PDB file of N, CA and C in Angstrom:
ATOM      1  N   MET A   1       0.845  -1.180   0.000  1.00  0.00           N
ATOM      2  CA  MET A   1       0.000   0.000   0.000  1.00  0.00           C
ATOM      3  C   MET A   1       0.886   1.237   0.000  1.00  0.00           C
ATOM      4  N   THR A   2       0.654   2.145  -0.924  1.00  0.00           N
ATOM      5  CA  THR A   2       1.456   3.358  -0.986  1.00  0.00           C
ATOM      6  C   THR A   2       0.741   4.475  -0.240  1.00  0.00           C
ATOM      7  N   ALA A   3       1.534   5.305   0.393  1.00  0.00           N
ATOM      8  CA  ALA A   3       0.963   6.426   1.139  1.00  0.00           C
ATOM      9  C   ALA A   3       0.576   7.531   0.161  1.00  0.00           C
ATOM     10  N   LEU A   4      -0.562   8.126   0.403  1.00  0.00           N
ATOM     11  CA  LEU A   4      -1.008   9.245  -0.419  1.00  0.00           C
ATOM     12  C   LEU A   4      -0.300  10.515   0.016  1.00  0.00           C
ATOM     13  N   ALA A   5      -0.052  11.396  -0.932  1.00  0.00           N
ATOM     14  CA  ALA A   5       0.464  12.718  -0.596  1.00  0.00           C
ATOM     15  C   ALA A   5      -0.588  13.416   0.256  1.00  0.00           C
ATOM     16  N   ALA A   6      -0.148  14.321   1.096  1.00  0.00           N
ATOM     17  CA  ALA A   6      -1.074  15.015   2.000  1.00  0.00           C
ATOM     18  C   ALA A   6      -2.232  15.647   1.237  1.00  0.00           C
ATOM     19  N   SER A   7      -1.942  16.333   0.150  1.00  0.00           N
ATOM     20  CA  SER A   7      -3.014  17.018  -0.586  1.00  0.00           C
ATOM     21  C   SER A   7      -4.016  16.031  -1.172  1.00  0.00           C
ATOM     22  N   ASP A   8      -3.540  14.881  -1.653  1.00  0.00           N
ATOM     23  CA  ASP A   8      -4.445  13.861  -2.204  1.00  0.00           C
ATOM     24  C   ASP A   8      -5.306  13.239  -1.099  1.00  0.00           C
ATOM     25  N   TYR A   9      -4.688  12.980   0.037  1.00  0.00           N
ATOM     26  CA  TYR A   9      -5.405  12.407   1.180  1.00  0.00           C
ATOM     27  C   TYR A   9      -6.490  13.375   1.645  1.00  0.00           C
ATOM     28  N   ILE A  10      -6.124  14.621   1.837  1.00  0.00           N
ATOM     29  CA  ILE A  10      -7.078  15.630   2.314  1.00  0.00           C
ATOM     30  C   ILE A  10      -8.229  15.776   1.332  1.00  0.00           C
ATOM     31  N   ALA A  11      -7.912  15.842   0.050  1.00  0.00           N
ATOM     32  CA  ALA A  11      -8.956  15.965  -0.977  1.00  0.00           C
ATOM     33  C   ALA A  11      -9.880  14.749  -0.947  1.00  0.00           C
ATOM     34  N   ALA A  12      -9.311  13.561  -0.781  1.00  0.00           N
ATOM     35  CA  ALA A  12     -10.120  12.343  -0.744  1.00  0.00           C
ATOM     36  C   ALA A  12     -11.055  12.338   0.465  1.00  0.00           C
ATOM     37  N   VAL A  13     -10.533  12.691   1.632  1.00  0.00           N
ATOM     38  CA  VAL A  13     -11.357  12.725   2.848  1.00  0.00           C
ATOM     39  C   VAL A  13     -12.496  13.731   2.692  1.00  0.00           C
ATOM     40  N   LEU A  14     -12.179  14.904   2.203  1.00  0.00           N
ATOM     41  CA  LEU A  14     -13.204  15.946   2.072  1.00  0.00           C
ATOM     42  C   LEU A  14     -14.237  15.578   1.014  1.00  0.00           C
ATOM     43  N   THR A  15     -13.822  14.923  -0.047  1.00  0.00           N
ATOM     44  CA  THR A  15     -14.770  14.475  -1.069  1.00  0.00           C
ATOM     45  C   THR A  15     -15.693  13.401  -0.506  1.00  0.00           C
ATOM     46  N   LEU A  16     -15.122  12.443   0.216  1.00  0.00           N
ATOM     47  CA  LEU A  16     -15.942  11.406   0.854  1.00  0.00           C
ATOM     48  C   LEU A  16     -16.975  12.039   1.784  1.00  0.00           C
ATOM     49  N   TYR A  17     -16.535  13.012   2.554  1.00  0.00           N
ATOM     50  CA  TYR A  17     -17.414  13.711   3.509  1.00  0.00           C
ATOM     51  C   TYR A  17     -18.548  14.431   2.783  1.00  0.00           C
ATOM     52  N   LEU A  18     -18.213  15.189   1.755  1.00  0.00           N
ATOM     53  CA  LEU A  18     -19.233  15.958   1.041  1.00  0.00           C
ATOM     54  C   LEU A  18     -20.210  15.072   0.270  1.00  0.00           C
ATOM     55  N   ASP A  19     -19.767  13.900  -0.126  1.00  0.00           N
ATOM     56  CA  ASP A  19     -20.631  12.995  -0.884  1.00  0.00           C
ATOM     57  C   ASP A  19     -21.674  12.291  -0.030  1.00  0.00           C
ATOM     58  N   LEU A  20     -21.542  12.376   1.274  1.00  0.00           N
ATOM     59  CA  LEU A  20     -22.496  11.725   2.168  1.00  0.00           C
ATOM     60  C   LEU A  20     -23.805  12.497   2.221  1.00  0.00           C
ATOM     61  N   PRO A  21     -24.900  11.781   2.468  1.00  0.00           N
ATOM     62  CA  PRO A  21     -26.162  12.486   2.716  1.00  0.00           C
ATOM     63  C   PRO A  21     -26.072  13.238   4.039  1.00  0.00           C
ATOM     64  N   GLU A  22     -26.807  14.302   4.137  1.00  0.00           N
ATOM     65  CA  GLU A  22     -26.927  15.101   5.369  1.00  0.00           C
ATOM     66  C   GLU A  22     -25.642  15.827   5.770  1.00  0.00           C
ATOM     67  N   THR A  23     -24.737  16.013   4.830  1.00  0.00           N
ATOM     68  CA  THR A  23     -23.545  16.820   5.110  1.00  0.00           C
ATOM     69  C   THR A  23     -23.660  18.126   4.341  1.00  0.00           C
ATOM     70  N   PRO A  24     -22.908  19.150   4.734  1.00  0.00           N
ATOM     71  CA  PRO A  24     -22.981  20.441   4.049  1.00  0.00           C
ATOM     72  C   PRO A  24     -22.544  20.342   2.584  1.00  0.00           C
ATOM     73  N   LEU A  25     -22.816  21.388   1.851  1.00  0.00           N
ATOM     74  CA  LEU A  25     -22.420  21.439   0.445  1.00  0.00           C
ATOM     75  C   LEU A  25     -20.969  21.855   0.271  1.00  0.00           C
ATOM     76  N   ARG A  26     -20.389  22.476   1.302  1.00  0.00           N
ATOM     77  CA  ARG A  26     -19.005  22.956   1.238  1.00  0.00           C
ATOM     78  C   ARG A  26     -18.284  22.605   2.531  1.00  0.00           C
ATOM     79  N   VAL A  27     -16.961  22.469   2.411  1.00  0.00           N
ATOM     80  CA  VAL A  27     -16.150  22.230   3.599  1.00  0.00           C
ATOM     81  C   VAL A  27     -15.719  23.555   4.199  1.00  0.00           C
ATOM     82  N   THR A  28     -15.361  23.497   5.458  1.00  0.00           N
ATOM     83  CA  THR A  28     -14.868  24.681   6.150  1.00  0.00           C
ATOM     84  C   THR A  28     -13.364  24.539   6.367  1.00  0.00           C
ATOM     85  N   SER A  29     -12.749  25.587   6.836  1.00  0.00           N
ATOM     86  CA  SER A  29     -11.321  25.514   7.145  1.00  0.00           C
ATOM     87  C   SER A  29     -11.073  24.518   8.279  1.00  0.00           C
ATOM     88  N   GLN A  30     -12.024  24.377   9.190  1.00  0.00           N
ATOM     89  CA  GLN A  30     -11.884  23.387  10.269  1.00  0.00           C
ATOM     90  C   GLN A  30     -11.923  21.964   9.708  1.00  0.00           C
ATOM     91  N   ASP A  31     -12.748  21.741   8.696  1.00  0.00           N
ATOM     92  CA  ASP A  31     -12.795  20.424   8.053  1.00  0.00           C
ATOM     93  C   ASP A  31     -11.451  20.121   7.393  1.00  0.00           C
ATOM     94  N   GLN A  32     -10.898  21.104   6.717  1.00  0.00           N
ATOM     95  CA  GLN A  32      -9.595  20.936   6.065  1.00  0.00           C
ATOM     96  C   GLN A  32      -8.514  20.659   7.111  1.00  0.00           C
ATOM     97  N   TRP A  33      -8.568  21.377   8.215  1.00  0.00           N
ATOM     98  CA  TRP A  33      -7.601  21.181   9.292  1.00  0.00           C
ATOM     99  C   TRP A  33      -7.680  19.756   9.837  1.00  0.00           C
ATOM    100  N   LEU A  34      -8.903  19.274  10.079  1.00  0.00           N
ATOM    101  CA  LEU A  34      -9.078  17.927  10.624  1.00  0.00           C
ATOM    102  C   LEU A  34      -8.594  16.875   9.627  1.00  0.00           C
ATOM    103  N   ALA A  35      -8.882  17.053   8.350  1.00  0.00           N
ATOM    104  CA  ALA A  35      -8.402  16.106   7.341  1.00  0.00           C
ATOM    105  C   ALA A  35      -6.875  16.076   7.322  1.00  0.00           C
ATOM    106  N   ARG A  36      -6.258  17.238   7.439  1.00  0.00           N
ATOM    107  CA  ARG A  36      -4.788  17.304   7.488  1.00  0.00           C
ATOM    108  C   ARG A  36      -4.259  16.589   8.739  1.00  0.00           C
ATOM    109  N   LYS A  37      -4.938  16.805   9.857  1.00  0.00           N
ATOM    110  CA  LYS A  37      -4.532  16.170  11.115  1.00  0.00           C
ATOM    111  C   LYS A  37      -4.643  14.649  11.016  1.00  0.00           C
ATOM    112  N   LEU A  38      -5.701  14.151  10.390  1.00  0.00           N
ATOM    113  CA  LEU A  38      -5.863  12.715  10.203  1.00  0.00           C
ATOM    114  C   LEU A  38      -4.717  12.155   9.361  1.00  0.00           C
ATOM    115  N   HIS A  39      -4.307  12.912   8.347  1.00  0.00           N
ATOM    116  CA  HIS A  39      -3.174  12.489   7.523  1.00  0.00           C
ATOM    117  C   HIS A  39      -1.893  12.450   8.354  1.00  0.00           C
ATOM    118  N   GLU A  40      -1.679  13.484   9.132  1.00  0.00           N
ATOM    119  CA  GLU A  40      -0.475  13.548   9.970  1.00  0.00           C
ATOM    120  C   GLU A  40      -0.436  12.410  10.988  1.00  0.00           C
ATOM    121  N   GLN A  41      -1.604  11.984  11.446  1.00  0.00           N
ATOM    122  CA  GLN A  41      -1.691  10.880  12.405  1.00  0.00           C
ATOM    123  C   GLN A  41      -1.665   9.515  11.715  1.00  0.00           C
ATOM    124  N   ALA A  42      -1.528   9.528  10.385  1.00  0.00           N
ATOM    125  CA  ALA A  42      -1.466   8.311   9.575  1.00  0.00           C
ATOM    126  C   ALA A  42      -2.716   7.438   9.723  1.00  0.00           C
ATOM    127  N   VAL A  43      -3.872   8.075   9.840  1.00  0.00           N
ATOM    128  CA  VAL A  43      -5.134   7.341   9.873  1.00  0.00           C
ATOM    129  C   VAL A  43      -5.425   6.919   8.433  1.00  0.00           C
ATOM    130  N   SER A  44      -5.611   5.646   8.221  1.00  0.00           N
ATOM    131  CA  SER A  44      -5.796   5.163   6.847  1.00  0.00           C
ATOM    132  C   SER A  44      -7.066   5.737   6.233  1.00  0.00           C
ATOM    133  N   LEU A  45      -6.998   5.947   4.942  1.00  0.00           N
ATOM    134  CA  LEU A  45      -8.151   6.461   4.215  1.00  0.00           C
ATOM    135  C   LEU A  45      -9.312   5.469   4.285  1.00  0.00           C
ATOM    136  N   THR A  46      -9.002   4.190   4.296  1.00  0.00           N
ATOM    137  CA  THR A  46     -10.035   3.163   4.411  1.00  0.00           C
ATOM    138  C   THR A  46     -10.764   3.276   5.748  1.00  0.00           C
ATOM    139  N   LEU A  47     -10.012   3.521   6.811  1.00  0.00           N
ATOM    140  CA  LEU A  47     -10.628   3.663   8.133  1.00  0.00           C
ATOM    141  C   LEU A  47     -11.512   4.914   8.162  1.00  0.00           C
ATOM    142  N   VAL A  48     -11.030   6.017   7.610  1.00  0.00           N
ATOM    143  CA  VAL A  48     -11.826   7.249   7.583  1.00  0.00           C
ATOM    144  C   VAL A  48     -13.101   7.027   6.778  1.00  0.00           C
ATOM    145  N   GLN A  49     -12.970   6.393   5.624  1.00  0.00           N
ATOM    146  CA  GLN A  49     -14.147   6.128   4.802  1.00  0.00           C
ATOM    147  C   GLN A  49     -15.143   5.248   5.547  1.00  0.00           C
ATOM    148  N   SER A  50     -14.656   4.225   6.207  1.00  0.00           N
ATOM    149  CA  SER A  50     -15.534   3.341   6.973  1.00  0.00           C
ATOM    150  C   SER A  50     -16.255   4.110   8.078  1.00  0.00           C
ATOM    151  N   ALA A  51     -15.536   4.984   8.754  1.00  0.00           N
ATOM    152  CA  ALA A  51     -16.139   5.778   9.834  1.00  0.00           C
ATOM    153  C   ALA A  51     -17.212   6.720   9.284  1.00  0.00           C
ATOM    154  N   LEU A  52     -16.950   7.334   8.148  1.00  0.00           N
ATOM    155  CA  LEU A  52     -17.942   8.232   7.549  1.00  0.00           C
ATOM    156  C   LEU A  52     -19.194   7.454   7.147  1.00  0.00           C
ATOM    157  N   LEU A  53     -18.993   6.304   6.530  1.00  0.00           N
ATOM    158  CA  LEU A  53     -20.136   5.484   6.128  1.00  0.00           C
ATOM    159  C   LEU A  53     -20.925   4.996   7.338  1.00  0.00           C
ATOM    160  N   LEU A  54     -20.217   4.497   8.343  1.00  0.00           N
ATOM    161  CA  LEU A  54     -20.875   3.978   9.537  1.00  0.00           C
ATOM    162  C   LEU A  54     -21.628   5.082  10.283  1.00  0.00           C
ATOM    163  N   GLY A  55     -20.996   6.227  10.455  1.00  0.00           N
ATOM    164  CA  GLY A  55     -21.655   7.348  11.122  1.00  0.00           C
ATOM    165  C   GLY A  55     -22.890   7.812  10.377  1.00  0.00           C
ATOM    166  N   SER A  56     -22.795   7.850   9.065  1.00  0.00           N
ATOM    167  CA  SER A  56     -23.935   8.257   8.245  1.00  0.00           C
ATOM    168  C   SER A  56     -25.076   7.257   8.354  1.00  0.00           C
ATOM    169  N   LEU A  57     -24.746   5.979   8.270  1.00  0.00           N
ATOM    170  CA  LEU A  57     -25.779   4.954   8.382  1.00  0.00           C
ATOM    171  C   LEU A  57     -26.459   4.971   9.747  1.00  0.00           C
ATOM    172  N   ARG A  58     -25.692   5.180  10.771  1.00  0.00           N
ATOM    173  CA  ARG A  58     -26.292   5.247  12.115  1.00  0.00           C
ATOM    174  C   ARG A  58     -27.323   6.361  12.192  1.00  0.00           C
ATOM    175  N   ARG A  59     -27.038   7.489  11.558  1.00  0.00           N
ATOM    176  CA  ARG A  59     -28.005   8.595  11.533  1.00  0.00           C
ATOM    177  C   ARG A  59     -29.237   8.223  10.728  1.00  0.00           C
ATOM    178  N   LEU A  60     -29.001   7.680   9.534  1.00  0.00           N
ATOM    179  CA  LEU A  60     -30.104   7.398   8.614  1.00  0.00           C
ATOM    180  C   LEU A  60     -31.004   6.267   9.106  1.00  0.00           C
ATOM    181  N   LEU A  61     -30.446   5.335   9.847  1.00  0.00           N
ATOM    182  CA  LEU A  61     -31.221   4.192  10.329  1.00  0.00           C
ATOM    183  C   LEU A  61     -31.728   4.384  11.754  1.00  0.00           C
ATOM    184  N   ARG A  62     -31.581   5.584  12.253  1.00  0.00           N
ATOM    185  CA  ARG A  62     -32.046   5.925  13.604  1.00  0.00           C
ATOM    186  C   ARG A  62     -33.564   5.795  13.662  1.00  0.00           C
ATOM    187  N   PRO A  63     -34.101   5.271  14.753  1.00  0.00           N
ATOM    188  CA  PRO A  63     -35.564   5.131  14.850  1.00  0.00           C
ATOM    189  C   PRO A  63     -36.281   6.461  14.595  1.00  0.00           C
ATOM    190  N   THR A  64     -37.341   6.387  13.821  1.00  0.00           N
ATOM    191  CA  THR A  64     -38.065   7.595  13.431  1.00  0.00           C
ATOM    192  C   THR A  64     -38.860   8.215  14.570  1.00  0.00           C
ATOM    193  N   ASP A  65     -39.103   7.449  15.629  1.00  0.00           N
ATOM    194  CA  ASP A  65     -39.870   7.998  16.749  1.00  0.00           C
ATOM    195  C   ASP A  65     -39.009   8.865  17.674  1.00  0.00           C
ATOM    196  N   LEU A  66     -37.711   8.914  17.436  1.00  0.00           N
ATOM    197  CA  LEU A  66     -36.826   9.776  18.229  1.00  0.00           C
ATOM    198  C   LEU A  66     -36.812  11.180  17.639  1.00  0.00           C
ATOM    199  N   PRO A  67     -36.510  12.182  18.453  1.00  0.00           N
ATOM    200  CA  PRO A  67     -36.441  13.550  17.913  1.00  0.00           C
ATOM    201  C   PRO A  67     -35.362  13.649  16.830  1.00  0.00           C
ATOM    202  N   PRO A  68     -35.568  14.511  15.841  1.00  0.00           N
ATOM    203  CA  PRO A  68     -34.577  14.648  14.768  1.00  0.00           C
ATOM    204  C   PRO A  68     -33.247  15.188  15.297  1.00  0.00           C
ATOM    205  N   LEU A  69     -32.181  14.764  14.656  1.00  0.00           N
ATOM    206  CA  LEU A  69     -30.848  15.238  15.017  1.00  0.00           C
ATOM    207  C   LEU A  69     -30.557  16.561  14.321  1.00  0.00           C
ATOM    208  N   ALA A  70     -29.687  17.338  14.919  1.00  0.00           N
ATOM    209  CA  ALA A  70     -29.241  18.580  14.283  1.00  0.00           C
ATOM    210  C   ALA A  70     -28.448  18.231  13.031  1.00  0.00           C
ATOM    211  N   PRO A  71     -28.414  19.135  12.060  1.00  0.00           N
ATOM    212  CA  PRO A  71     -27.647  18.858  10.838  1.00  0.00           C
ATOM    213  C   PRO A  71     -26.161  18.651  11.142  1.00  0.00           C
ATOM    214  N   ILE A  72     -25.516  17.863  10.300  1.00  0.00           N
ATOM    215  CA  ILE A  72     -24.069  17.695  10.392  1.00  0.00           C
ATOM    216  C   ILE A  72     -23.451  18.973   9.837  1.00  0.00           C
ATOM    217  N   ARG A  73     -22.619  19.617  10.609  1.00  0.00           N
ATOM    218  CA  ARG A  73     -22.019  20.878  10.188  1.00  0.00           C
ATOM    219  C   ARG A  73     -20.512  20.792   9.996  1.00  0.00           C
ATOM    220  N   SER A  74     -19.936  19.641  10.389  1.00  0.00           N
ATOM    221  CA  SER A  74     -18.484  19.551  10.356  1.00  0.00           C
ATOM    222  C   SER A  74     -18.028  18.105  10.241  1.00  0.00           C
ATOM    223  N   LEU A  75     -16.877  17.925   9.640  1.00  0.00           N
ATOM    224  CA  LEU A  75     -16.232  16.618   9.594  1.00  0.00           C
ATOM    225  C   LEU A  75     -15.970  16.103  11.005  1.00  0.00           C
ATOM    226  N   ALA A  76     -15.830  17.004  11.954  1.00  0.00           N
ATOM    227  CA  ALA A  76     -15.580  16.631  13.351  1.00  0.00           C
ATOM    228  C   ALA A  76     -16.714  15.768  13.920  1.00  0.00           C
ATOM    229  N   TYR A  77     -17.893  15.842  13.342  1.00  0.00           N
ATOM    230  CA  TYR A  77     -19.011  14.997  13.768  1.00  0.00           C
ATOM    231  C   TYR A  77     -18.602  13.523  13.759  1.00  0.00           C
ATOM    232  N   PHE A  78     -17.744  13.145  12.814  1.00  0.00           N
ATOM    233  CA  PHE A  78     -17.361  11.751  12.635  1.00  0.00           C
ATOM    234  C   PHE A  78     -16.131  11.344  13.446  1.00  0.00           C
ATOM    235  N   GLN A  79     -15.516  12.281  14.151  1.00  0.00           N
ATOM    236  CA  GLN A  79     -14.308  11.972  14.915  1.00  0.00           C
ATOM    237  C   GLN A  79     -14.514  10.847  15.938  1.00  0.00           C
ATOM    238  N   PRO A  80     -15.622  10.831  16.691  1.00  0.00           N
ATOM    239  CA  PRO A  80     -15.811   9.712  17.638  1.00  0.00           C
ATOM    240  C   PRO A  80     -15.892   8.345  16.941  1.00  0.00           C
ATOM    241  N   VAL A  81     -16.454   8.302  15.742  1.00  0.00           N
ATOM    242  CA  VAL A  81     -16.544   7.035  15.021  1.00  0.00           C
ATOM    243  C   VAL A  81     -15.151   6.625  14.528  1.00  0.00           C
ATOM    244  N   ILE A  82     -14.357   7.595  14.084  1.00  0.00           N
ATOM    245  CA  ILE A  82     -12.978   7.307  13.683  1.00  0.00           C
ATOM    246  C   ILE A  82     -12.214   6.717  14.864  1.00  0.00           C
ATOM    247  N   THR A  83     -12.341   7.340  16.026  1.00  0.00           N
ATOM    248  CA  THR A  83     -11.673   6.845  17.237  1.00  0.00           C
ATOM    249  C   THR A  83     -12.154   5.433  17.584  1.00  0.00           C
ATOM    250  N   GLU A  84     -13.454   5.217  17.485  1.00  0.00           N
ATOM    251  CA  GLU A  84     -14.025   3.893  17.768  1.00  0.00           C
ATOM    252  C   GLU A  84     -13.424   2.828  16.848  1.00  0.00           C
ATOM    253  N   LEU A  85     -13.310   3.145  15.559  1.00  0.00           N
ATOM    254  CA  LEU A  85     -12.790   2.157  14.613  1.00  0.00           C
ATOM    255  C   LEU A  85     -11.276   1.968  14.750  1.00  0.00           C
ATOM    256  N   GLN A  86     -10.588   2.961  15.284  1.00  0.00           N
ATOM    257  CA  GLN A  86      -9.168   2.770  15.568  1.00  0.00           C
ATOM    258  C   GLN A  86      -8.989   1.760  16.701  1.00  0.00           C
ATOM    259  N   GLN A  87      -9.904   1.793  17.647  1.00  0.00           N
ATOM    260  CA  GLN A  87      -9.830   0.892  18.797  1.00  0.00           C
ATOM    261  C   GLN A  87     -10.401  -0.491  18.479  1.00  0.00           C
ATOM    262  N   THR A  88     -11.434  -0.522  17.636  1.00  0.00           N
ATOM    263  CA  THR A  88     -12.085  -1.777  17.268  1.00  0.00           C
ATOM    264  C   THR A  88     -12.278  -1.794  15.749  1.00  0.00           C
ATOM    265  N   PRO A  89     -11.269  -2.263  15.019  1.00  0.00           N
ATOM    266  CA  PRO A  89     -11.359  -2.260  13.551  1.00  0.00           C
ATOM    267  C   PRO A  89     -12.503  -3.126  13.030  1.00  0.00           C
ATOM    268  N   LEU A  90     -13.006  -2.736  11.881  1.00  0.00           N
ATOM    269  CA  LEU A  90     -14.057  -3.508  11.226  1.00  0.00           C
ATOM    270  C   LEU A  90     -13.457  -4.744  10.563  1.00  0.00           C
ATOM    271  N   PRO A  91     -14.253  -5.796  10.402  1.00  0.00           N
ATOM    272  CA  PRO A  91     -13.755  -6.987   9.698  1.00  0.00           C
ATOM    273  C   PRO A  91     -13.460  -6.678   8.227  1.00  0.00           C
ATOM    274  N   GLU A  92     -12.610  -7.470   7.635  1.00  0.00           N
ATOM    275  CA  GLU A  92     -12.275  -7.356   6.210  1.00  0.00           C
ATOM    276  C   GLU A  92     -13.555  -7.382   5.372  1.00  0.00           C
ATOM    277  N   GLY A  93     -13.666  -6.487   4.429  1.00  0.00           N
ATOM    278  CA  GLY A  93     -14.824  -6.452   3.542  1.00  0.00           C
ATOM    279  C   GLY A  93     -16.011  -5.681   4.079  1.00  0.00           C
ATOM    280  N   TYR A  94     -16.000  -5.308   5.341  1.00  0.00           N
ATOM    281  CA  TYR A  94     -17.149  -4.605   5.932  1.00  0.00           C
ATOM    282  C   TYR A  94     -17.391  -3.233   5.297  1.00  0.00           C
ATOM    283  N   PRO A  95     -16.341  -2.496   4.913  1.00  0.00           N
ATOM    284  CA  PRO A  95     -16.596  -1.215   4.229  1.00  0.00           C
ATOM    285  C   PRO A  95     -17.424  -1.384   2.950  1.00  0.00           C
ATOM    286  N   ASP A  96     -17.224  -2.486   2.235  1.00  0.00           N
ATOM    287  CA  ASP A  96     -18.038  -2.740   1.038  1.00  0.00           C
ATOM    288  C   ASP A  96     -19.507  -2.912   1.418  1.00  0.00           C
ATOM    289  N   TYR A  97     -19.748  -3.621   2.511  1.00  0.00           N
ATOM    290  CA  TYR A  97     -21.111  -3.792   3.008  1.00  0.00           C
ATOM    291  C   TYR A  97     -21.722  -2.437   3.373  1.00  0.00           C
ATOM    292  N   LEU A  98     -20.934  -1.585   4.047  1.00  0.00           N
ATOM    293  CA  LEU A  98     -21.442  -0.274   4.446  1.00  0.00           C
ATOM    294  C   LEU A  98     -21.805   0.573   3.228  1.00  0.00           C
ATOM    295  N   ARG A  99     -20.959   0.523   2.187  1.00  0.00           N
ATOM    296  CA  ARG A  99     -21.260   1.273   0.950  1.00  0.00           C
ATOM    297  C   ARG A  99     -22.564   0.794   0.332  1.00  0.00           C
ATOM    298  N   LEU A 100     -22.740  -0.524   0.254  1.00  0.00           N
ATOM    299  CA  LEU A 100     -23.955  -1.098  -0.310  1.00  0.00           C
ATOM    300  C   LEU A 100     -25.171  -0.718   0.527  1.00  0.00           C
ATOM    301  N   LYS A 101     -25.035  -0.812   1.824  1.00  0.00           N
ATOM    302  CA  LYS A 101     -26.139  -0.483   2.730  1.00  0.00           C
ATOM    303  C   LYS A 101     -26.535   0.990   2.586  1.00  0.00           C
ATOM    304  N   LEU A 102     -25.547   1.878   2.512  1.00  0.00           N
ATOM    305  CA  LEU A 102     -25.845   3.303   2.358  1.00  0.00           C
ATOM    306  C   LEU A 102     -26.547   3.556   1.029  1.00  0.00           C
ATOM    307  N   ARG A 103     -26.083   2.899  -0.018  1.00  0.00           N
ATOM    308  CA  ARG A 103     -26.723   3.052  -1.327  1.00  0.00           C
ATOM    309  C   ARG A 103     -28.169   2.577  -1.260  1.00  0.00           C
ATOM    310  N   THR A 104     -28.418   1.469  -0.582  1.00  0.00           N
ATOM    311  CA  THR A 104     -29.768   0.926  -0.441  1.00  0.00           C
ATOM    312  C   THR A 104     -30.662   1.875   0.347  1.00  0.00           C
ATOM    313  N   VAL A 105     -30.167   2.366   1.455  1.00  0.00           N
ATOM    314  CA  VAL A 105     -30.948   3.281   2.288  1.00  0.00           C
ATOM    315  C   VAL A 105     -31.229   4.578   1.529  1.00  0.00           C
ATOM    316  N   ALA A 106     -30.229   5.097   0.831  1.00  0.00           N
ATOM    317  CA  ALA A 106     -30.399   6.347   0.088  1.00  0.00           C
ATOM    318  C   ALA A 106     -31.415   6.188  -1.035  1.00  0.00           C
ATOM    319  N   SER A 107     -31.419   5.044  -1.706  1.00  0.00           N
ATOM    320  CA  SER A 107     -32.372   4.847  -2.805  1.00  0.00           C
ATOM    321  C   SER A 107     -33.783   4.592  -2.296  1.00  0.00           C
ATOM    322  N   ARG A 108     -33.889   4.069  -1.093  1.00  0.00           N
ATOM    323  CA  ARG A 108     -35.194   3.752  -0.508  1.00  0.00           C
ATOM    324  C   ARG A 108     -35.916   4.996  -0.012  1.00  0.00           C
ATOM    325  N   SER A 109     -35.161   5.966   0.476  1.00  0.00           N
ATOM    326  CA  SER A 109     -35.788   7.172   1.026  1.00  0.00           C
ATOM    327  C   SER A 109     -35.029   8.416   0.570  1.00  0.00           C
ATOM    328  N   PRO A 110     -35.151   8.766  -0.716  1.00  0.00           N
ATOM    329  CA  PRO A 110     -34.381   9.893  -1.237  1.00  0.00           C
ATOM    330  C   PRO A 110     -34.670  11.214  -0.540  1.00  0.00           C
ATOM    331  N   ALA A 111     -35.886  11.428  -0.095  1.00  0.00           N
ATOM    332  CA  ALA A 111     -36.192  12.693   0.575  1.00  0.00           C
ATOM    333  C   ALA A 111     -35.447  12.816   1.896  1.00  0.00           C
ATOM    334  N   ALA A 112     -35.255  11.699   2.559  1.00  0.00           N
ATOM    335  CA  ALA A 112     -34.604  11.719   3.866  1.00  0.00           C
ATOM    336  C   ALA A 112     -33.109  11.967   3.766  1.00  0.00           C
ATOM    337  N   VAL A 113     -32.520  11.696   2.613  1.00  0.00           N
ATOM    338  CA  VAL A 113     -31.078  11.830   2.511  1.00  0.00           C
ATOM    339  C   VAL A 113     -30.646  12.931   1.549  1.00  0.00           C
ATOM    340  N   GLN A 114     -31.605  13.628   0.946  1.00  0.00           N
ATOM    341  CA  GLN A 114     -31.264  14.698   0.022  1.00  0.00           C
ATOM    342  C   GLN A 114     -30.601  15.840   0.775  1.00  0.00           C
ATOM    343  N   LYS A 115     -29.574  16.418   0.180  1.00  0.00           N
ATOM    344  CA  LYS A 115     -28.897  17.538   0.814  1.00  0.00           C
ATOM    345  C   LYS A 115     -29.818  18.744   0.840  1.00  0.00           C
ATOM    346  N   ASN A 116     -29.802  19.443   1.935  1.00  0.00           N
ATOM    347  CA  ASN A 116     -30.593  20.637   2.121  1.00  0.00           C
ATOM    348  C   ASN A 116     -29.814  21.823   1.582  1.00  0.00           C
ATOM    349  N   THR A 117     -30.422  22.614   0.736  1.00  0.00           N
ATOM    350  CA  THR A 117     -29.736  23.767   0.165  1.00  0.00           C
ATOM    351  C   THR A 117     -30.127  25.068   0.864  1.00  0.00           C
ATOM    352  N   PHE A 118     -30.905  24.988   1.913  1.00  0.00           N
ATOM    353  CA  PHE A 118     -31.306  26.184   2.628  1.00  0.00           C
ATOM    354  C   PHE A 118     -30.173  26.685   3.505  1.00  0.00           C
ATOM    355  N   SER A 119     -30.128  27.975   3.739  1.00  0.00           N
ATOM    356  CA  SER A 119     -29.004  28.580   4.459  1.00  0.00           C
ATOM    357  C   SER A 119     -28.887  28.116   5.911  1.00  0.00           C
ATOM    358  N   ASP A 120     -29.992  27.631   6.521  1.00  0.00           N
ATOM    359  CA  ASP A 120     -29.884  27.192   7.909  1.00  0.00           C
ATOM    360  C   ASP A 120     -29.126  25.873   8.040  1.00  0.00           C
ATOM    361  N   ASP A 121     -28.772  25.257   6.914  1.00  0.00           N
ATOM    362  CA  ASP A 121     -28.003  24.022   6.922  1.00  0.00           C
ATOM    363  C   ASP A 121     -26.495  24.294   6.863  1.00  0.00           C
ATOM    364  N   ARG A 122     -26.108  25.495   6.903  1.00  0.00           N
ATOM    365  CA  ARG A 122     -24.685  25.846   6.779  1.00  0.00           C
ATOM    366  C   ARG A 122     -24.102  26.118   8.122  1.00  0.00           C
TER     367      ARG A 122
END
């Protein structure tokens, strides 16, 4: 496995983040800082991607009878999941399952996962 250059790693993390449902349309300087910090800490891109997928799925599959969650405003929202996966790694192939599951959930309820373009989501 070859290490990505810092700029490629940061771009990949931020793209993964923005591509998720319920995330902002743009990154902030704090998001860029956190992506750089993850690179400096040598957190694998696979682990970050898994954490983003898992965190997103947990939100989307949350019971509907619970009060709605506040919008995701920062990549930092996923930091606890990144820490969790550093301590307890996912089994081999599980990220593929998470991608498939997210695709299934997103196609099943497009209104629930559509990005909000209103200014209160920023």
